Amino acid sequence: MDFGFTSVAAITVICYLVMEILKTTPINRKWLPIISGVLGGGIGVLAMMIMPSYPASDYLNAIAIGIVSGLAATGINQVAKQLKTPR
């Protein structure tokens, strides 16, 4: 099976959920995008080693895909926040 795109979306979802959990802790929220990017990079490398259909075949690309996916979780959160804000 080809899980290339699905695995990238899964990294975004995992990072989003972890960031929502971290929001309940006393961690300063300014660090959440950095934590999300680092977490995404780590998950990207792990996914490359576990899934044969992952869209990266080397560590640098796996880290880059993971970081972008992790930061996308922050972007999704900001879009949702902006849509809720009354105009």
PDB file of N, CA and C in Angstrom:
ATOM      1  N   MET A   1       0.827  -1.190   0.000  1.00  0.00           N
ATOM      2  CA  MET A   1       0.000   0.000   0.000  1.00  0.00           C
ATOM      3  C   MET A   1       0.867   1.248   0.000  1.00  0.00           C
ATOM      4  N   ASP A   2       0.341   2.292  -0.597  1.00  0.00           N
ATOM      5  CA  ASP A   2       1.068   3.554  -0.652  1.00  0.00           C
ATOM      6  C   ASP A   2       0.478   4.524   0.370  1.00  0.00           C
ATOM      7  N   PHE A   3       1.219   4.786   1.434  1.00  0.00           N
ATOM      8  CA  PHE A   3       0.769   5.688   2.494  1.00  0.00           C
ATOM      9  C   PHE A   3       1.556   6.991   2.490  1.00  0.00           C
ATOM     10  N   GLY A   4       2.148   7.376   1.378  1.00  0.00           N
ATOM     11  CA  GLY A   4       2.994   8.554   1.314  1.00  0.00           C
ATOM     12  C   GLY A   4       2.324   9.813   1.819  1.00  0.00           C
ATOM     13  N   PHE A   5       1.224  10.210   1.184  1.00  0.00           N
ATOM     14  CA  PHE A   5       0.538  11.434   1.586  1.00  0.00           C
ATOM     15  C   PHE A   5      -0.114  11.274   2.958  1.00  0.00           C
ATOM     16  N   THR A   6      -0.659  10.116   3.221  1.00  0.00           N
ATOM     17  CA  THR A   6      -1.322   9.866   4.499  1.00  0.00           C
ATOM     18  C   THR A   6      -0.352   9.976   5.660  1.00  0.00           C
ATOM     19  N   SER A   7       0.864   9.508   5.476  1.00  0.00           N
ATOM     20  CA  SER A   7       1.845   9.577   6.562  1.00  0.00           C
ATOM     21  C   SER A   7       2.232  11.026   6.856  1.00  0.00           C
ATOM     22  N   VAL A   8       2.300  11.855   5.829  1.00  0.00           N
ATOM     23  CA  VAL A   8       2.620  13.267   6.039  1.00  0.00           C
ATOM     24  C   VAL A   8       1.483  13.957   6.781  1.00  0.00           C
ATOM     25  N   ALA A   9       0.245  13.666   6.399  1.00  0.00           N
ATOM     26  CA  ALA A   9      -0.911  14.232   7.098  1.00  0.00           C
ATOM     27  C   ALA A   9      -0.983  13.725   8.532  1.00  0.00           C
ATOM     28  N   ALA A  10      -0.593  12.483   8.745  1.00  0.00           N
ATOM     29  CA  ALA A  10      -0.616  11.920  10.099  1.00  0.00           C
ATOM     30  C   ALA A  10       0.380  12.647  11.007  1.00  0.00           C
ATOM     31  N   ILE A  11       1.524  13.026  10.482  1.00  0.00           N
ATOM     32  CA  ILE A  11       2.499  13.783  11.276  1.00  0.00           C
ATOM     33  C   ILE A  11       1.890  15.104  11.714  1.00  0.00           C
ATOM     34  N   THR A  12       1.175  15.760  10.812  1.00  0.00           N
ATOM     35  CA  THR A  12       0.528  17.032  11.151  1.00  0.00           C
ATOM     36  C   THR A  12      -0.498  16.840  12.261  1.00  0.00           C
ATOM     37  N   VAL A  13      -1.296  15.800  12.156  1.00  0.00           N
ATOM     38  CA  VAL A  13      -2.322  15.534  13.169  1.00  0.00           C
ATOM     39  C   VAL A  13      -1.688  15.209  14.516  1.00  0.00           C
ATOM     40  N   ILE A  14      -0.655  14.397  14.515  1.00  0.00           N
ATOM     41  CA  ILE A  14       0.020  14.035  15.775  1.00  0.00           C
ATOM     42  C   ILE A  14       0.611  15.287  16.424  1.00  0.00           C
ATOM     43  N   CYS A  15       1.279  16.114  15.645  1.00  0.00           N
ATOM     44  CA  CYS A  15       1.863  17.343  16.194  1.00  0.00           C
ATOM     45  C   CYS A  15       0.781  18.272  16.725  1.00  0.00           C
ATOM     46  N   TYR A  16      -0.328  18.386  16.011  1.00  0.00           N
ATOM     47  CA  TYR A  16      -1.435  19.240  16.462  1.00  0.00           C
ATOM     48  C   TYR A  16      -1.969  18.757  17.807  1.00  0.00           C
ATOM     49  N   LEU A  17      -2.173  17.456  17.936  1.00  0.00           N
ATOM     50  CA  LEU A  17      -2.696  16.913  19.193  1.00  0.00           C
ATOM     51  C   LEU A  17      -1.719  17.103  20.352  1.00  0.00           C
ATOM     52  N   VAL A  18      -0.439  16.905  20.086  1.00  0.00           N
ATOM     53  CA  VAL A  18       0.566  17.107  21.140  1.00  0.00           C
ATOM     54  C   VAL A  18       0.598  18.576  21.553  1.00  0.00           C
ATOM     55  N   MET A  19       0.485  19.491  20.598  1.00  0.00           N
ATOM     56  CA  MET A  19       0.480  20.919  20.943  1.00  0.00           C
ATOM     57  C   MET A  19      -0.750  21.288  21.761  1.00  0.00           C
ATOM     58  N   GLU A  20      -1.892  20.692  21.451  1.00  0.00           N
ATOM     59  CA  GLU A  20      -3.092  20.951  22.245  1.00  0.00           C
ATOM     60  C   GLU A  20      -2.902  20.455  23.680  1.00  0.00           C
ATOM     61  N   ILE A  21      -2.247  19.343  23.848  1.00  0.00           N
ATOM     62  CA  ILE A  21      -1.959  18.827  25.198  1.00  0.00           C
ATOM     63  C   ILE A  21      -0.979  19.753  25.912  1.00  0.00           C
ATOM     64  N   LEU A  22       0.054  20.215  25.202  1.00  0.00           N
ATOM     65  CA  LEU A  22       1.053  21.093  25.821  1.00  0.00           C
ATOM     66  C   LEU A  22       0.476  22.448  26.215  1.00  0.00           C
ATOM     67  N   LYS A  23      -0.610  22.862  25.561  1.00  0.00           N
ATOM     68  CA  LYS A  23      -1.245  24.129  25.936  1.00  0.00           C
ATOM     69  C   LYS A  23      -1.823  24.091  27.338  1.00  0.00           C
ATOM     70  N   THR A  24      -2.092  22.906  27.856  1.00  0.00           N
ATOM     71  CA  THR A  24      -2.645  22.779  29.205  1.00  0.00           C
ATOM     72  C   THR A  24      -1.561  22.790  30.278  1.00  0.00           C
ATOM     73  N   THR A  25      -0.297  22.820  29.872  1.00  0.00           N
ATOM     74  CA  THR A  25       0.816  22.842  30.813  1.00  0.00           C
ATOM     75  C   THR A  25       1.321  24.279  30.964  1.00  0.00           C
ATOM     76  N   PRO A  26       2.191  24.528  31.940  1.00  0.00           N
ATOM     77  CA  PRO A  26       2.701  25.896  32.117  1.00  0.00           C
ATOM     78  C   PRO A  26       3.775  26.322  31.099  1.00  0.00           C
ATOM     79  N   ILE A  27       3.993  25.553  30.037  1.00  0.00           N
ATOM     80  CA  ILE A  27       4.969  25.925  29.011  1.00  0.00           C
ATOM     81  C   ILE A  27       4.508  27.218  28.337  1.00  0.00           C
ATOM     82  N   ASN A  28       5.454  28.135  28.129  1.00  0.00           N
ATOM     83  CA  ASN A  28       5.151  29.385  27.441  1.00  0.00           C
ATOM     84  C   ASN A  28       4.753  29.071  25.998  1.00  0.00           C
ATOM     85  N   ARG A  29       3.641  29.624  25.553  1.00  0.00           N
ATOM     86  CA  ARG A  29       3.099  29.300  24.232  1.00  0.00           C
ATOM     87  C   ARG A  29       3.984  29.755  23.082  1.00  0.00           C
ATOM     88  N   LYS A  30       4.920  30.653  23.338  1.00  0.00           N
ATOM     89  CA  LYS A  30       5.794  31.098  22.249  1.00  0.00           C
ATOM     90  C   LYS A  30       6.714  29.976  21.768  1.00  0.00           C
ATOM     91  N   TRP A  31       6.905  28.951  22.584  1.00  0.00           N
ATOM     92  CA  TRP A  31       7.769  27.832  22.224  1.00  0.00           C
ATOM     93  C   TRP A  31       7.034  26.733  21.456  1.00  0.00           C
ATOM     94  N   LEU A  32       5.716  26.776  21.392  1.00  0.00           N
ATOM     95  CA  LEU A  32       4.956  25.698  20.769  1.00  0.00           C
ATOM     96  C   LEU A  32       5.288  25.487  19.291  1.00  0.00           C
ATOM     97  N   PRO A  33       5.442  26.511  18.458  1.00  0.00           N
ATOM     98  CA  PRO A  33       5.818  26.241  17.064  1.00  0.00           C
ATOM     99  C   PRO A  33       7.184  25.555  16.939  1.00  0.00           C
ATOM    100  N   ILE A  34       8.131  25.939  17.772  1.00  0.00           N
ATOM    101  CA  ILE A  34       9.460  25.307  17.731  1.00  0.00           C
ATOM    102  C   ILE A  34       9.363  23.853  18.156  1.00  0.00           C
ATOM    103  N   ILE A  35       8.629  23.604  19.230  1.00  0.00           N
ATOM    104  CA  ILE A  35       8.445  22.229  19.705  1.00  0.00           C
ATOM    105  C   ILE A  35       7.745  21.404  18.626  1.00  0.00           C
ATOM    106  N   SER A  36       6.745  21.988  17.972  1.00  0.00           N
ATOM    107  CA  SER A  36       6.014  21.277  16.925  1.00  0.00           C
ATOM    108  C   SER A  36       6.923  20.933  15.749  1.00  0.00           C
ATOM    109  N   GLY A  37       7.778  21.862  15.355  1.00  0.00           N
ATOM    110  CA  GLY A  37       8.709  21.587  14.259  1.00  0.00           C
ATOM    111  C   GLY A  37       9.716  20.503  14.596  1.00  0.00           C
ATOM    112  N   VAL A  38      10.266  20.560  15.796  1.00  0.00           N
ATOM    113  CA  VAL A  38      11.242  19.545  16.226  1.00  0.00           C
ATOM    114  C   VAL A  38      10.566  18.176  16.344  1.00  0.00           C
ATOM    115  N   LEU A  39       9.366  18.161  16.933  1.00  0.00           N
ATOM    116  CA  LEU A  39       8.617  16.908  17.054  1.00  0.00           C
ATOM    117  C   LEU A  39       8.312  16.340  15.669  1.00  0.00           C
ATOM    118  N   GLY A  40       7.894  17.197  14.740  1.00  0.00           N
ATOM    119  CA  GLY A  40       7.617  16.745  13.379  1.00  0.00           C
ATOM    120  C   GLY A  40       8.857  16.183  12.700  1.00  0.00           C
ATOM    121  N   GLY A  41      10.002  16.826  12.894  1.00  0.00           N
ATOM    122  CA  GLY A  41      11.247  16.315  12.314  1.00  0.00           C
ATOM    123  C   GLY A  41      11.600  14.940  12.853  1.00  0.00           C
ATOM    124  N   GLY A  42      11.433  14.751  14.154  1.00  0.00           N
ATOM    125  CA  GLY A  42      11.702  13.444  14.759  1.00  0.00           C
ATOM    126  C   GLY A  42      10.749  12.371  14.261  1.00  0.00           C
ATOM    127  N   ILE A  43       9.478  12.726  14.161  1.00  0.00           N
ATOM    128  CA  ILE A  43       8.497  11.758  13.658  1.00  0.00           C
ATOM    129  C   ILE A  43       8.766  11.455  12.185  1.00  0.00           C
ATOM    130  N   GLY A  44       9.227  12.451  11.435  1.00  0.00           N
ATOM    131  CA  GLY A  44       9.556  12.232  10.025  1.00  0.00           C
ATOM    132  C   GLY A  44      10.658  11.196   9.847  1.00  0.00           C
ATOM    133  N   VAL A  45      11.696  11.276  10.660  1.00  0.00           N
ATOM    134  CA  VAL A  45      12.781  10.292  10.593  1.00  0.00           C
ATOM    135  C   VAL A  45      12.269   8.916  11.004  1.00  0.00           C
ATOM    136  N   LEU A  46      11.485   8.878  12.068  1.00  0.00           N
ATOM    137  CA  LEU A  46      10.920   7.609  12.528  1.00  0.00           C
ATOM    138  C   LEU A  46      10.029   6.993  11.444  1.00  0.00           C
ATOM    139  N   ALA A  47       9.208   7.816  10.809  1.00  0.00           N
ATOM    140  CA  ALA A  47       8.317   7.316   9.759  1.00  0.00           C
ATOM    141  C   ALA A  47       9.118   6.775   8.574  1.00  0.00           C
ATOM    142  N   MET A  48      10.222   7.437   8.234  1.00  0.00           N
ATOM    143  CA  MET A  48      11.050   6.965   7.130  1.00  0.00           C
ATOM    144  C   MET A  48      11.605   5.570   7.422  1.00  0.00           C
ATOM    145  N   MET A  49      11.965   5.331   8.665  1.00  0.00           N
ATOM    146  CA  MET A  49      12.537   4.036   9.026  1.00  0.00           C
ATOM    147  C   MET A  49      11.469   2.944   9.111  1.00  0.00           C
ATOM    148  N   ILE A  50      10.240   3.313   9.457  1.00  0.00           N
ATOM    149  CA  ILE A  50       9.187   2.316   9.670  1.00  0.00           C
ATOM    150  C   ILE A  50       8.403   2.029   8.392  1.00  0.00           C
ATOM    151  N   MET A  51       8.060   3.067   7.635  1.00  0.00           N
ATOM    152  CA  MET A  51       7.176   2.911   6.473  1.00  0.00           C
ATOM    153  C   MET A  51       7.968   2.914   5.168  1.00  0.00           C
ATOM    154  N   PRO A  52       7.858   1.864   4.404  1.00  0.00           N
ATOM    155  CA  PRO A  52       8.618   1.812   3.144  1.00  0.00           C
ATOM    156  C   PRO A  52       8.102   2.797   2.096  1.00  0.00           C
ATOM    157  N   SER A  53       6.851   3.230   2.185  1.00  0.00           N
ATOM    158  CA  SER A  53       6.302   4.136   1.179  1.00  0.00           C
ATOM    159  C   SER A  53       6.374   5.605   1.597  1.00  0.00           C
ATOM    160  N   TYR A  54       7.140   5.907   2.648  1.00  0.00           N
ATOM    161  CA  TYR A  54       7.292   7.293   3.085  1.00  0.00           C
ATOM    162  C   TYR A  54       7.953   8.086   1.965  1.00  0.00           C
ATOM    163  N   PRO A  55       7.517   9.329   1.722  1.00  0.00           N
ATOM    164  CA  PRO A  55       8.018  10.066   0.551  1.00  0.00           C
ATOM    165  C   PRO A  55       9.468  10.556   0.630  1.00  0.00           C
ATOM    166  N   ALA A  56      10.226  10.139   1.613  1.00  0.00           N
ATOM    167  CA  ALA A  56      11.640  10.528   1.696  1.00  0.00           C
ATOM    168  C   ALA A  56      12.490   9.265   1.821  1.00  0.00           C
ATOM    169  N   SER A  57      13.653   9.302   1.198  1.00  0.00           N
ATOM    170  CA  SER A  57      14.530   8.132   1.265  1.00  0.00           C
ATOM    171  C   SER A  57      15.842   8.435   1.978  1.00  0.00           C
ATOM    172  N   ASP A  58      16.025   9.669   2.440  1.00  0.00           N
ATOM    173  CA  ASP A  58      17.227  10.015   3.196  1.00  0.00           C
ATOM    174  C   ASP A  58      16.824  10.872   4.398  1.00  0.00           C
ATOM    175  N   TYR A  59      17.721  10.976   5.357  1.00  0.00           N
ATOM    176  CA  TYR A  59      17.410  11.651   6.618  1.00  0.00           C
ATOM    177  C   TYR A  59      17.088  13.130   6.452  1.00  0.00           C
ATOM    178  N   LEU A  60      17.816  13.818   5.595  1.00  0.00           N
ATOM    179  CA  LEU A  60      17.601  15.254   5.425  1.00  0.00           C
ATOM    180  C   LEU A  60      16.192  15.549   4.901  1.00  0.00           C
ATOM    181  N   ASN A  61      15.767  14.800   3.898  1.00  0.00           N
ATOM    182  CA  ASN A  61      14.419  15.001   3.374  1.00  0.00           C
ATOM    183  C   ASN A  61      13.361  14.574   4.377  1.00  0.00           C
ATOM    184  N   ALA A  62      13.622  13.504   5.112  1.00  0.00           N
ATOM    185  CA  ALA A  62      12.664  13.051   6.130  1.00  0.00           C
ATOM    186  C   ALA A  62      12.498  14.106   7.214  1.00  0.00           C
ATOM    187  N   ILE A  63      13.597  14.710   7.639  1.00  0.00           N
ATOM    188  CA  ILE A  63      13.530  15.770   8.652  1.00  0.00           C
ATOM    189  C   ILE A  63      12.783  16.978   8.092  1.00  0.00           C
ATOM    190  N   ALA A  64      13.078  17.354   6.851  1.00  0.00           N
ATOM    191  CA  ALA A  64      12.418  18.516   6.239  1.00  0.00           C
ATOM    192  C   ALA A  64      10.915  18.296   6.105  1.00  0.00           C
ATOM    193  N   ILE A  65      10.509  17.131   5.644  1.00  0.00           N
ATOM    194  CA  ILE A  65       9.082  16.827   5.519  1.00  0.00           C
ATOM    195  C   ILE A  65       8.424  16.843   6.890  1.00  0.00           C
ATOM    196  N   GLY A  66       9.104  16.288   7.885  1.00  0.00           N
ATOM    197  CA  GLY A  66       8.556  16.273   9.232  1.00  0.00           C
ATOM    198  C   GLY A  66       8.419  17.665   9.829  1.00  0.00           C
ATOM    199  N   ILE A  67       9.428  18.510   9.633  1.00  0.00           N
ATOM    200  CA  ILE A  67       9.371  19.878  10.170  1.00  0.00           C
ATOM    201  C   ILE A  67       8.234  20.655   9.515  1.00  0.00           C
ATOM    202  N   VAL A  68       8.115  20.551   8.205  1.00  0.00           N
ATOM    203  CA  VAL A  68       7.036  21.253   7.512  1.00  0.00           C
ATOM    204  C   VAL A  68       5.673  20.747   7.983  1.00  0.00           C
ATOM    205  N   SER A  69       5.563  19.447   8.183  1.00  0.00           N
ATOM    206  CA  SER A  69       4.299  18.886   8.675  1.00  0.00           C
ATOM    207  C   SER A  69       4.010  19.366  10.092  1.00  0.00           C
ATOM    208  N   GLY A  70       5.026  19.418  10.937  1.00  0.00           N
ATOM    209  CA  GLY A  70       4.839  19.902  12.305  1.00  0.00           C
ATOM    210  C   GLY A  70       4.443  21.368  12.335  1.00  0.00           C
ATOM    211  N   LEU A  71       5.074  22.172  11.502  1.00  0.00           N
ATOM    212  CA  LEU A  71       4.732  23.596  11.456  1.00  0.00           C
ATOM    213  C   LEU A  71       3.362  23.826  10.812  1.00  0.00           C
ATOM    214  N   ALA A  72       2.935  22.904   9.963  1.00  0.00           N
ATOM    215  CA  ALA A  72       1.591  23.003   9.391  1.00  0.00           C
ATOM    216  C   ALA A  72       0.540  22.877  10.484  1.00  0.00           C
ATOM    217  N   ALA A  73       0.844  22.108  11.524  1.00  0.00           N
ATOM    218  CA  ALA A  73      -0.084  21.993  12.646  1.00  0.00           C
ATOM    219  C   ALA A  73      -0.279  23.351  13.315  1.00  0.00           C
ATOM    220  N   THR A  74       0.778  24.122  13.432  1.00  0.00           N
ATOM    221  CA  THR A  74       0.675  25.472  13.991  1.00  0.00           C
ATOM    222  C   THR A  74      -0.147  26.363  13.071  1.00  0.00           C
ATOM    223  N   GLY A  75       0.060  26.244  11.780  1.00  0.00           N
ATOM    224  CA  GLY A  75      -0.696  27.031  10.818  1.00  0.00           C
ATOM    225  C   GLY A  75      -2.176  26.699  10.840  1.00  0.00           C
ATOM    226  N   ILE A  76      -2.509  25.439  10.961  1.00  0.00           N
ATOM    227  CA  ILE A  76      -3.911  25.026  11.043  1.00  0.00           C
ATOM    228  C   ILE A  76      -4.561  25.631  12.273  1.00  0.00           C
ATOM    229  N   ASN A  77      -3.831  25.628  13.381  1.00  0.00           N
ATOM    230  CA  ASN A  77      -4.348  26.212  14.612  1.00  0.00           C
ATOM    231  C   ASN A  77      -4.611  27.703  14.427  1.00  0.00           C
ATOM    232  N   GLN A  78      -3.712  28.407  13.764  1.00  0.00           N
ATOM    233  CA  GLN A  78      -3.878  29.849  13.563  1.00  0.00           C
ATOM    234  C   GLN A  78      -5.038  30.156  12.616  1.00  0.00           C
ATOM    235  N   VAL A  79      -5.232  29.342  11.604  1.00  0.00           N
ATOM    236  CA  VAL A  79      -6.359  29.546  10.689  1.00  0.00           C
ATOM    237  C   VAL A  79      -7.673  29.385  11.452  1.00  0.00           C
ATOM    238  N   ALA A  80      -7.755  28.336  12.270  1.00  0.00           N
ATOM    239  CA  ALA A  80      -8.977  28.118  13.053  1.00  0.00           C
ATOM    240  C   ALA A  80      -9.211  29.289  14.011  1.00  0.00           C
ATOM    241  N   LYS A  81      -8.150  29.787  14.617  1.00  0.00           N
ATOM    242  CA  LYS A  81      -8.279  30.913  15.547  1.00  0.00           C
ATOM    243  C   LYS A  81      -8.742  32.174  14.816  1.00  0.00           C
ATOM    244  N   GLN A  82      -8.217  32.423  13.628  1.00  0.00           N
ATOM    245  CA  GLN A  82      -8.608  33.607  12.871  1.00  0.00           C
ATOM    246  C   GLN A  82     -10.050  33.515  12.386  1.00  0.00           C
ATOM    247  N   LEU A  83     -10.506  32.332  12.063  1.00  0.00           N
ATOM    248  CA  LEU A  83     -11.884  32.174  11.601  1.00  0.00           C
ATOM    249  C   LEU A  83     -12.888  32.378  12.739  1.00  0.00           C
ATOM    250  N   LYS A  84     -12.467  32.091  13.982  1.00  0.00           N
ATOM    251  CA  LYS A  84     -13.337  32.282  15.134  1.00  0.00           C
ATOM    252  C   LYS A  84     -13.435  33.750  15.558  1.00  0.00           C
ATOM    253  N   THR A  85     -12.433  34.529  15.239  1.00  0.00           N
ATOM    254  CA  THR A  85     -12.375  35.922  15.669  1.00  0.00           C
ATOM    255  C   THR A  85     -13.464  36.731  14.958  1.00  0.00           C
ATOM    256  N   PRO A  86     -14.309  37.448  15.732  1.00  0.00           N
ATOM    257  CA  PRO A  86     -15.350  38.256  15.085  1.00  0.00           C
ATOM    258  C   PRO A  86     -14.732  39.431  14.325  1.00  0.00           C
ATOM    259  N   ARG A  87     -15.353  39.819  13.278  1.00  0.00           N
ATOM    260  CA  ARG A  87     -14.834  40.909  12.438  1.00  0.00           C
ATOM    261  C   ARG A  87     -15.596  42.169  12.672  1.00  0.00           C
TER     262      ARG A  87
END
